[in-house]
Each structure stands twice: as structure tokens, then as C-alpha cells.
Amino acid sequence: MAVEDKQIAMRVRREIVRRSLDASQLMIHVAHGHVELGGIIKPANKNAAIDMAKELEFARERVIRIPGVRDMTWRYLRFFGGA
């Protein structure tokens, strides 16, 4: 993975976590600005009643605005919790 791609991956993880989502089991792969996310994602607070679909859409909107990101794809994503 190129240095720029590693930096993008770190910023992607920060954006996901900023949305109050637990990204500890999320795999982030970046190649030439193409971001692919997969794994498990859940609310950071297990007792929070959040709309996961809405949170994931907000996260996607933030990720695709990161400089260097060309596109983003969710792959094999499982999510738990939320409304």
C-alpha cells in the first residue's frame, strides 16, 4: 500500500469513528484512492439507539470528501445494533 493510501486509510477510520461507530473490526483497503470497507461495524455505545443506515450514509459522505479518495465501496459489511 502506497504512503498516500495508508494516510487515506487512517483518515477513513477517523471519519467512521467520528460518527460514533465502532470500527475495531472494520477492514479498510485503499488502492490508488479507491476505498473498500468490509467487516463488522456497530455503534460505539451499545446502549445507543441509532439509525445504522443513516450513520453509514453520513460516514460515506464524509469519506468520499477526503482528499485523494476517488470512490468508496462497502464489501461484506455486517452491522449490529442500532435501530
Protein backbone atom coordinates (compact mmCIF):
# COMPACT_ATOMS: atom_id res chain seq x y z
CA MET A 1 0.00 0.00 0.00
CA ALA A 2 1.44 3.38 -1.00
CA VAL A 3 2.09 6.00 1.68
CA GLU A 4 -0.76 8.18 0.39
CA ASP A 5 -3.14 5.20 0.51
CA LYS A 6 -2.10 4.49 4.13
CA GLN A 7 -2.82 8.10 5.06
CA ILE A 8 -6.22 7.89 3.39
CA ALA A 9 -6.98 4.66 5.31
CA MET A 10 -6.14 6.36 8.62
CA ARG A 11 -8.39 9.31 7.77
CA VAL A 12 -11.21 6.95 6.73
CA ARG A 13 -11.03 5.16 10.10
CA ARG A 14 -11.14 8.53 11.90
CA GLU A 15 -14.25 9.57 9.97
CA ILE A 16 -16.01 6.29 10.77
CA VAL A 17 -15.18 6.61 14.48
CA ARG A 18 -16.26 10.26 14.45
CA ARG A 19 -19.77 9.01 13.59
CA SER A 20 -19.88 7.15 16.95
CA LEU A 21 -19.32 3.82 15.25
CA ASP A 22 -17.05 1.04 16.48
CA ALA A 23 -14.58 0.41 13.66
CA SER A 24 -12.36 -2.03 15.57
CA GLN A 25 -13.41 -4.93 13.32
CA LEU A 26 -13.62 -2.90 10.14
CA MET A 27 -11.15 -3.68 7.36
CA ILE A 28 -10.11 -0.72 5.25
CA HIS A 29 -8.34 -1.28 1.97
CA VAL A 30 -7.19 1.63 -0.18
CA ALA A 31 -5.59 1.30 -3.60
CA HIS A 32 -4.90 4.39 -5.70
CA GLY A 33 -7.65 6.31 -3.91
CA HIS A 34 -10.26 3.56 -4.23
CA VAL A 35 -11.55 2.78 -0.71
CA GLU A 36 -13.09 -0.60 0.12
CA LEU A 37 -14.60 -1.22 3.55
CA GLY A 38 -15.60 -4.59 4.93
CA GLY A 39 -16.06 -6.43 8.19
CA ILE A 40 -18.21 -5.67 11.19
CA ILE A 41 -19.41 -2.25 12.29
CA LYS A 42 -21.58 -1.42 15.27
CA PRO A 43 -22.47 1.54 17.48
CA ALA A 44 -19.62 2.61 19.77
CA ASN A 45 -22.14 2.81 22.61
CA LYS A 46 -24.02 -0.49 22.83
CA ASN A 47 -26.97 1.23 24.52
CA ALA A 48 -27.33 3.91 21.85
CA ALA A 49 -30.43 3.77 19.69
CA ILE A 50 -29.08 4.98 16.36
CA ASP A 51 -30.19 4.51 12.79
CA MET A 52 -27.30 2.46 11.36
CA ALA A 53 -28.31 3.04 7.75
CA LYS A 54 -28.28 6.80 8.31
CA GLU A 55 -24.97 6.69 10.20
CA LEU A 56 -23.34 4.65 7.41
CA GLU A 57 -24.61 7.09 4.79
CA PHE A 58 -23.25 10.06 6.76
CA ALA A 59 -19.93 8.24 7.13
CA ARG A 60 -19.84 7.53 3.40
CA GLU A 61 -20.48 11.19 2.59
CA ARG A 62 -17.58 12.23 4.83
CA VAL A 63 -15.21 9.57 3.45
CA ILE A 64 -15.71 10.45 -0.20
CA ARG A 65 -14.82 14.08 0.64
CA ILE A 66 -11.37 13.09 1.93
CA PRO A 67 -8.72 14.45 -0.45
CA GLY A 68 -7.35 11.63 -2.59
CA VAL A 69 -10.43 9.39 -2.33
CA ARG A 70 -11.80 8.56 -5.77
CA ASP A 71 -14.64 6.27 -4.73
CA MET A 72 -15.80 4.03 -1.90
CA THR A 73 -17.35 0.59 -1.78
CA TRP A 74 -18.85 -1.34 1.14
CA ARG A 75 -17.87 -5.02 0.81
CA TYR A 76 -19.09 -7.81 3.05
CA LEU A 77 -20.17 -5.34 5.69
CA ARG A 78 -22.16 -6.63 8.65
CA PHE A 79 -23.57 -4.25 11.19
CA PHE A 80 -25.06 -4.84 14.59
CA GLY A 81 -27.07 -2.74 16.97
CA GLY A 82 -28.87 0.49 16.36
CA ALA A 83 -32.46 0.99 15.32
